[in-house]
Amino acid sequence: MGGPQNVTNANLMARVKKGDRDAFATLVQSHQNSVLNFIWHFMGDRTEAEDLAQEAFLRVWKSAATYKPRAKFSTWLYRIVTNLCINRHRFLKIRNLFSISSSPKYKPDMMDVLESEAGVNPVTPEDRLLKAEQYHQIFNALDTLPPAQKLAIVLKINQGLSYSEISQIMGRSVSAVDALLIRAKKNLRKKMGVKK
């Protein structure tokens, strides 16, 4: 997740509560890349990701008074980001049921994790040209998942969060997160044609 340690984040948030813009700028600088990356993988659109990331940090500023240092700052931040993503995702689905127009340039990690867990050999340099189409398929496959499954798998694979962290962000038990991830991976493998 990067960024300052939790104590530093808590201290910065204490300053943000008092209207300290420098402390806020430090928090944004420390966390903006991971937030942007998460939103991009969840939403599949760079422009949407940039807009939602700005909105997320605006909410951090406006909601600073509600932050309690009992929770990790990153967990609190990702709850805000998650709610924004889910709400925006629902809005876009309602507005345009068939909105897939182009593929984002996904990092190889999503496909590589699915393949490695299924026992598929890593791709060779000669297969790199095929990756672009695979990324498009990944985007399409992710977009067909129920929001909770999509969120869980992006938090786990892209953000590298623990089951406990995902549980806190999603407000579900660890066992429920585990079940979501199992279903999500199974559905993605099926969509991608990756066999066990």
C-alpha atoms as a PDB file:
ATOM      1  CA  MET A   1       0.000   0.000   0.000  1.00  0.00           C
ATOM      2  CA  GLY A   2       2.969   2.309   0.446  1.00  0.00           C
ATOM      3  CA  GLY A   3       2.759   5.753   2.003  1.00  0.00           C
ATOM      4  CA  PRO A   4       3.553   6.810   5.555  1.00  0.00           C
ATOM      5  CA  GLN A   5       3.229   4.513   8.523  1.00  0.00           C
ATOM      6  CA  ASN A   6      -0.124   4.391  10.314  1.00  0.00           C
ATOM      7  CA  VAL A   7       1.050   6.670  13.151  1.00  0.00           C
ATOM      8  CA  THR A   8       2.189   9.244  10.613  1.00  0.00           C
ATOM      9  CA  ASN A   9      -1.126   9.000   8.781  1.00  0.00           C
ATOM     10  CA  ALA A  10      -2.990   9.462  12.057  1.00  0.00           C
ATOM     11  CA  ASN A  11      -0.871  12.499  12.908  1.00  0.00           C
ATOM     12  CA  LEU A  12      -1.439  13.943   9.465  1.00  0.00           C
ATOM     13  CA  MET A  13      -5.182  13.392   9.787  1.00  0.00           C
ATOM     14  CA  ALA A  14      -5.166  15.132  13.165  1.00  0.00           C
ATOM     15  CA  ARG A  15      -3.629  18.133  11.400  1.00  0.00           C
ATOM     16  CA  VAL A  16      -6.075  17.855   8.499  1.00  0.00           C
ATOM     17  CA  LYS A  17      -8.947  18.039  11.010  1.00  0.00           C
ATOM     18  CA  LYS A  18      -7.586  21.464  11.956  1.00  0.00           C
ATOM     19  CA  GLY A  19      -7.553  22.582   8.319  1.00  0.00           C
ATOM     20  CA  ASP A  20      -3.846  21.970   7.623  1.00  0.00           C
ATOM     21  CA  ARG A  21      -3.599  21.914   3.819  1.00  0.00           C
ATOM     22  CA  ASP A  22       0.065  20.878   3.839  1.00  0.00           C
ATOM     23  CA  ALA A  23      -0.777  17.751   5.850  1.00  0.00           C
ATOM     24  CA  PHE A  24      -3.595  17.003   3.422  1.00  0.00           C
ATOM     25  CA  ALA A  25      -1.260  17.436   0.429  1.00  0.00           C
ATOM     26  CA  THR A  26       1.182  14.979   2.024  1.00  0.00           C
ATOM     27  CA  LEU A  27      -1.585  12.385   2.460  1.00  0.00           C
ATOM     28  CA  VAL A  28      -2.728  12.835  -1.126  1.00  0.00           C
ATOM     29  CA  GLN A  29       0.807  12.504  -2.459  1.00  0.00           C
ATOM     30  CA  SER A  30       1.405   9.351  -0.413  1.00  0.00           C
ATOM     31  CA  HIS A  31      -1.783   7.552  -1.423  1.00  0.00           C
ATOM     32  CA  GLN A  32      -2.898   8.932  -4.783  1.00  0.00           C
ATOM     33  CA  ASN A  33      -1.087   6.364  -6.947  1.00  0.00           C
ATOM     34  CA  SER A  34      -2.528   3.341  -5.149  1.00  0.00           C
ATOM     35  CA  VAL A  35      -6.007   4.893  -5.083  1.00  0.00           C
ATOM     36  CA  LEU A  36      -5.866   5.780  -8.772  1.00  0.00           C
ATOM     37  CA  ASN A  37      -4.603   2.298  -9.662  1.00  0.00           C
ATOM     38  CA  PHE A  38      -7.355   0.621  -7.653  1.00  0.00           C
ATOM     39  CA  ILE A  39     -10.128   2.739  -9.180  1.00  0.00           C
ATOM     40  CA  TRP A  40      -8.742   2.221 -12.675  1.00  0.00           C
ATOM     41  CA  HIS A  41      -8.796  -1.553 -12.264  1.00  0.00           C
ATOM     42  CA  PHE A  42     -12.281  -1.501 -10.787  1.00  0.00           C
ATOM     43  CA  MET A  43     -13.833   0.969 -13.225  1.00  0.00           C
ATOM     44  CA  GLY A  44     -11.761   0.118 -16.322  1.00  0.00           C
ATOM     45  CA  ASP A  45     -11.494   3.746 -17.431  1.00  0.00           C
ATOM     46  CA  ARG A  46      -8.598   6.114 -16.790  1.00  0.00           C
ATOM     47  CA  THR A  47     -10.667   9.308 -16.945  1.00  0.00           C
ATOM     48  CA  GLU A  48     -13.254   7.875 -14.550  1.00  0.00           C
ATOM     49  CA  ALA A  49     -10.420   6.816 -12.256  1.00  0.00           C
ATOM     50  CA  GLU A  50      -8.909  10.294 -12.186  1.00  0.00           C
ATOM     51  CA  ASP A  51     -12.287  11.920 -11.498  1.00  0.00           C
ATOM     52  CA  LEU A  52     -13.194   9.473  -8.743  1.00  0.00           C
ATOM     53  CA  ALA A  53      -9.745   9.740  -7.148  1.00  0.00           C
ATOM     54  CA  GLN A  54     -10.187  13.512  -6.903  1.00  0.00           C
ATOM     55  CA  GLU A  55     -13.649  13.015  -5.428  1.00  0.00           C
ATOM     56  CA  ALA A  56     -12.271  10.480  -2.931  1.00  0.00           C
ATOM     57  CA  PHE A  57      -9.647  12.884  -1.603  1.00  0.00           C
ATOM     58  CA  LEU A  58     -12.183  15.704  -1.503  1.00  0.00           C
ATOM     59  CA  ARG A  59     -14.286  13.472   0.742  1.00  0.00           C
ATOM     60  CA  VAL A  60     -11.238  12.751   2.907  1.00  0.00           C
ATOM     61  CA  TRP A  61     -10.839  16.497   3.413  1.00  0.00           C
ATOM     62  CA  LYS A  62     -14.537  17.057   4.127  1.00  0.00           C
ATOM     63  CA  SER A  63     -14.834  13.971   6.365  1.00  0.00           C
ATOM     64  CA  ALA A  64     -11.599  14.406   8.315  1.00  0.00           C
ATOM     65  CA  ALA A  65     -13.534  15.141  11.505  1.00  0.00           C
ATOM     66  CA  THR A  66     -15.125  11.666  11.366  1.00  0.00           C
ATOM     67  CA  TYR A  67     -11.814   9.804  11.092  1.00  0.00           C
ATOM     68  CA  LYS A  68     -10.971   7.768  14.164  1.00  0.00           C
ATOM     69  CA  PRO A  69      -7.347   6.601  14.501  1.00  0.00           C
ATOM     70  CA  ARG A  70      -8.613   3.216  15.781  1.00  0.00           C
ATOM     71  CA  ALA A  71      -8.795   2.080  12.136  1.00  0.00           C
ATOM     72  CA  LYS A  72      -5.894   2.102   9.726  1.00  0.00           C
ATOM     73  CA  PHE A  73      -6.043   5.229   7.587  1.00  0.00           C
ATOM     74  CA  SER A  74      -5.748   3.117   4.436  1.00  0.00           C
ATOM     75  CA  THR A  75      -8.773   1.031   5.463  1.00  0.00           C
ATOM     76  CA  TRP A  76     -10.831   4.172   6.099  1.00  0.00           C
ATOM     77  CA  LEU A  77      -9.659   5.668   2.801  1.00  0.00           C
ATOM     78  CA  TYR A  78     -10.519   2.522   0.826  1.00  0.00           C
ATOM     79  CA  ARG A  79     -14.004   2.450   2.330  1.00  0.00           C
ATOM     80  CA  ILE A  80     -14.550   5.917   0.859  1.00  0.00           C
ATOM     81  CA  VAL A  81     -13.056   4.856  -2.476  1.00  0.00           C
ATOM     82  CA  THR A  82     -15.056   1.628  -2.558  1.00  0.00           C
ATOM     83  CA  ASN A  83     -18.365   3.395  -1.950  1.00  0.00           C
ATOM     84  CA  LEU A  84     -17.607   5.899  -4.703  1.00  0.00           C
ATOM     85  CA  CYS A  85     -16.702   3.122  -7.148  1.00  0.00           C
ATOM     86  CA  ILE A  86     -19.786   1.031  -6.413  1.00  0.00           C
ATOM     87  CA  ASN A  87     -22.112   4.015  -6.714  1.00  0.00           C
ATOM     88  CA  ARG A  88     -20.517   5.143  -9.963  1.00  0.00           C
ATOM     89  CA  HIS A  89     -20.521   1.581 -11.318  1.00  0.00           C
ATOM     90  CA  ARG A  90     -24.260   1.263 -10.620  1.00  0.00           C
ATOM     91  CA  PHE A  91     -24.940   4.618 -12.267  1.00  0.00           C
ATOM     92  CA  LEU A  92     -23.007   3.686 -15.404  1.00  0.00           C
ATOM     93  CA  LYS A  93     -24.704   0.296 -15.624  1.00  0.00           C
ATOM     94  CA  ILE A  94     -28.116   1.916 -15.459  1.00  0.00           C
ATOM     95  CA  ARG A  95     -27.168   4.645 -17.934  1.00  0.00           C
ATOM     96  CA  ASN A  96     -25.567   2.353 -20.465  1.00  0.00           C
ATOM     97  CA  LEU A  97     -25.976  -1.402 -20.128  1.00  0.00           C
ATOM     98  CA  PHE A  98     -23.590  -2.083 -22.998  1.00  0.00           C
ATOM     99  CA  SER A  99     -20.897   0.501 -22.328  1.00  0.00           C
ATOM    100  CA  ILE A 100     -17.773  -1.533 -23.201  1.00  0.00           C
ATOM    101  CA  SER A 101     -16.067   0.397 -25.966  1.00  0.00           C
ATOM    102  CA  SER A 102     -12.351  -0.026 -25.436  1.00  0.00           C
ATOM    103  CA  SER A 103      -9.983  -1.965 -23.250  1.00  0.00           C
ATOM    104  CA  PRO A 104      -7.822  -0.383 -20.560  1.00  0.00           C
ATOM    105  CA  LYS A 105      -4.182  -1.399 -20.506  1.00  0.00           C
ATOM    106  CA  TYR A 106      -4.299  -3.781 -17.600  1.00  0.00           C
ATOM    107  CA  LYS A 107      -1.107  -4.754 -15.898  1.00  0.00           C
ATOM    108  CA  PRO A 108      -0.131  -8.392 -16.484  1.00  0.00           C
ATOM    109  CA  ASP A 109      -0.666  -9.215 -12.800  1.00  0.00           C
ATOM    110  CA  MET A 110      -4.367 -10.088 -13.133  1.00  0.00           C
ATOM    111  CA  MET A 111      -3.932 -12.577 -15.973  1.00  0.00           C
ATOM    112  CA  ASP A 112      -0.671 -13.931 -14.569  1.00  0.00           C
ATOM    113  CA  VAL A 113      -2.294 -14.661 -11.195  1.00  0.00           C
ATOM    114  CA  LEU A 114      -5.228 -16.441 -12.826  1.00  0.00           C
ATOM    115  CA  GLU A 115      -2.913 -18.499 -15.001  1.00  0.00           C
ATOM    116  CA  SER A 116      -0.404 -19.331 -12.281  1.00  0.00           C
ATOM    117  CA  GLU A 117      -3.109 -20.423  -9.840  1.00  0.00           C
ATOM    118  CA  ALA A 118      -4.558 -22.649 -12.539  1.00  0.00           C
ATOM    119  CA  GLY A 119      -1.138 -24.181 -13.284  1.00  0.00           C
ATOM    120  CA  VAL A 120      -0.699 -22.589 -16.710  1.00  0.00           C
ATOM    121  CA  ASN A 121       2.873 -21.962 -17.848  1.00  0.00           C
ATOM    122  CA  PRO A 122       3.928 -18.273 -17.976  1.00  0.00           C
ATOM    123  CA  VAL A 123       3.738 -16.649 -21.388  1.00  0.00           C
ATOM    124  CA  THR A 124       6.830 -16.419 -23.558  1.00  0.00           C
ATOM    125  CA  PRO A 125       8.026 -13.202 -25.219  1.00  0.00           C
ATOM    126  CA  GLU A 126       6.495 -14.470 -28.468  1.00  0.00           C
ATOM    127  CA  ASP A 127       3.071 -14.439 -26.826  1.00  0.00           C
ATOM    128  CA  ARG A 128       3.206 -10.767 -25.835  1.00  0.00           C
ATOM    129  CA  LEU A 129       1.161  -9.648 -28.820  1.00  0.00           C
ATOM    130  CA  LEU A 130      -1.667 -11.867 -27.647  1.00  0.00           C
ATOM    131  CA  LYS A 131      -1.688 -10.116 -24.268  1.00  0.00           C
ATOM    132  CA  ALA A 132      -3.543  -7.050 -25.561  1.00  0.00           C
ATOM    133  CA  GLU A 133      -6.519  -9.202 -26.528  1.00  0.00           C
ATOM    134  CA  GLN A 134      -6.296 -11.041 -23.224  1.00  0.00           C
ATOM    135  CA  TYR A 135      -6.439  -7.747 -21.317  1.00  0.00           C
ATOM    136  CA  HIS A 136      -9.542  -6.823 -23.266  1.00  0.00           C
ATOM    137  CA  GLN A 137     -11.034 -10.194 -22.307  1.00  0.00           C
ATOM    138  CA  ILE A 138     -10.065  -9.602 -18.653  1.00  0.00           C
ATOM    139  CA  PHE A 139     -11.835  -6.235 -18.677  1.00  0.00           C
ATOM    140  CA  ASN A 140     -14.919  -7.799 -20.226  1.00  0.00           C
ATOM    141  CA  ALA A 141     -14.822 -10.699 -17.766  1.00  0.00           C
ATOM    142  CA  LEU A 142     -14.370  -8.413 -14.747  1.00  0.00           C
ATOM    143  CA  ASP A 143     -17.244  -6.272 -15.949  1.00  0.00           C
ATOM    144  CA  THR A 144     -19.590  -9.281 -15.876  1.00  0.00           C
ATOM    145  CA  LEU A 145     -18.861 -10.092 -12.228  1.00  0.00           C
ATOM    146  CA  PRO A 146     -21.263  -8.969  -9.524  1.00  0.00           C
ATOM    147  CA  PRO A 147     -19.851  -5.770  -7.926  1.00  0.00           C
ATOM    148  CA  ALA A 148     -18.908  -7.508  -4.662  1.00  0.00           C
ATOM    149  CA  GLN A 149     -16.896 -10.211  -6.461  1.00  0.00           C
ATOM    150  CA  LYS A 150     -15.240  -7.638  -8.698  1.00  0.00           C
ATOM    151  CA  LEU A 151     -14.339  -5.464  -5.732  1.00  0.00           C
ATOM    152  CA  ALA A 152     -12.926  -8.369  -3.726  1.00  0.00           C
ATOM    153  CA  ILE A 153     -10.725  -9.633  -6.542  1.00  0.00           C
ATOM    154  CA  VAL A 154      -9.370  -6.184  -7.441  1.00  0.00           C
ATOM    155  CA  LEU A 155      -8.569  -5.469  -3.790  1.00  0.00           C
ATOM    156  CA  LYS A 156      -6.815  -8.844  -3.451  1.00  0.00           C
ATOM    157  CA  ILE A 157      -4.972  -9.220  -6.751  1.00  0.00           C
ATOM    158  CA  ASN A 158      -4.338  -5.642  -7.798  1.00  0.00           C
ATOM    159  CA  GLN A 159      -3.941  -3.979  -4.413  1.00  0.00           C
ATOM    160  CA  GLY A 160      -2.453  -6.988  -2.624  1.00  0.00           C
ATOM    161  CA  LEU A 161      -4.567  -6.521   0.492  1.00  0.00           C
ATOM    162  CA  SER A 162      -4.998  -9.212   3.111  1.00  0.00           C
ATOM    163  CA  TYR A 163      -8.296 -10.989   3.690  1.00  0.00           C
ATOM    164  CA  SER A 164      -8.604  -9.093   6.970  1.00  0.00           C
ATOM    165  CA  GLU A 165      -8.151  -5.711   5.269  1.00  0.00           C
ATOM    166  CA  ILE A 166     -10.649  -6.598   2.536  1.00  0.00           C
ATOM    167  CA  SER A 167     -13.064  -7.750   5.237  1.00  0.00           C
ATOM    168  CA  GLN A 168     -12.844  -4.374   6.982  1.00  0.00           C
ATOM    169  CA  ILE A 169     -13.201  -2.384   3.751  1.00  0.00           C
ATOM    170  CA  MET A 170     -16.182  -4.385   2.509  1.00  0.00           C
ATOM    171  CA  GLY A 171     -17.838  -4.808   5.905  1.00  0.00           C
ATOM    172  CA  ARG A 172     -17.949  -8.593   5.530  1.00  0.00           C
ATOM    173  CA  SER A 173     -16.463 -11.478   7.478  1.00  0.00           C
ATOM    174  CA  VAL A 174     -13.154 -12.992   6.403  1.00  0.00           C
ATOM    175  CA  SER A 175     -14.951 -16.207   5.460  1.00  0.00           C
ATOM    176  CA  ALA A 176     -17.390 -14.225   3.303  1.00  0.00           C
ATOM    177  CA  VAL A 177     -14.457 -12.527   1.548  1.00  0.00           C
ATOM    178  CA  ASP A 178     -12.860 -15.933   0.975  1.00  0.00           C
ATOM    179  CA  ALA A 179     -16.096 -17.210  -0.574  1.00  0.00           C
ATOM    180  CA  LEU A 180     -16.367 -14.117  -2.788  1.00  0.00           C
ATOM    181  CA  LEU A 181     -12.803 -14.585  -4.045  1.00  0.00           C
ATOM    182  CA  ILE A 182     -13.339 -18.273  -4.769  1.00  0.00           C
ATOM    183  CA  ARG A 183     -16.463 -17.482  -6.803  1.00  0.00           C
ATOM    184  CA  ALA A 184     -14.821 -14.535  -8.553  1.00  0.00           C
ATOM    185  CA  LYS A 185     -11.750 -16.530  -9.602  1.00  0.00           C
ATOM    186  CA  LYS A 186     -13.918 -19.420 -10.749  1.00  0.00           C
ATOM    187  CA  ASN A 187     -16.087 -17.082 -12.824  1.00  0.00           C
ATOM    188  CA  LEU A 188     -13.083 -15.274 -14.300  1.00  0.00           C
ATOM    189  CA  ARG A 189     -11.351 -18.522 -15.240  1.00  0.00           C
ATOM    190  CA  LYS A 190     -14.534 -19.706 -16.910  1.00  0.00           C
ATOM    191  CA  LYS A 191     -14.899 -16.458 -18.868  1.00  0.00           C
ATOM    192  CA  MET A 192     -11.224 -16.488 -19.804  1.00  0.00           C
ATOM    193  CA  GLY A 193     -11.218 -20.136 -20.788  1.00  0.00           C
ATOM    194  CA  VAL A 194      -8.504 -20.917 -18.205  1.00  0.00           C
ATOM    195  CA  LYS A 195      -8.866 -24.516 -17.054  1.00  0.00           C
ATOM    196  CA  LYS A 196      -7.792 -25.877 -13.702  1.00  0.00           C
END
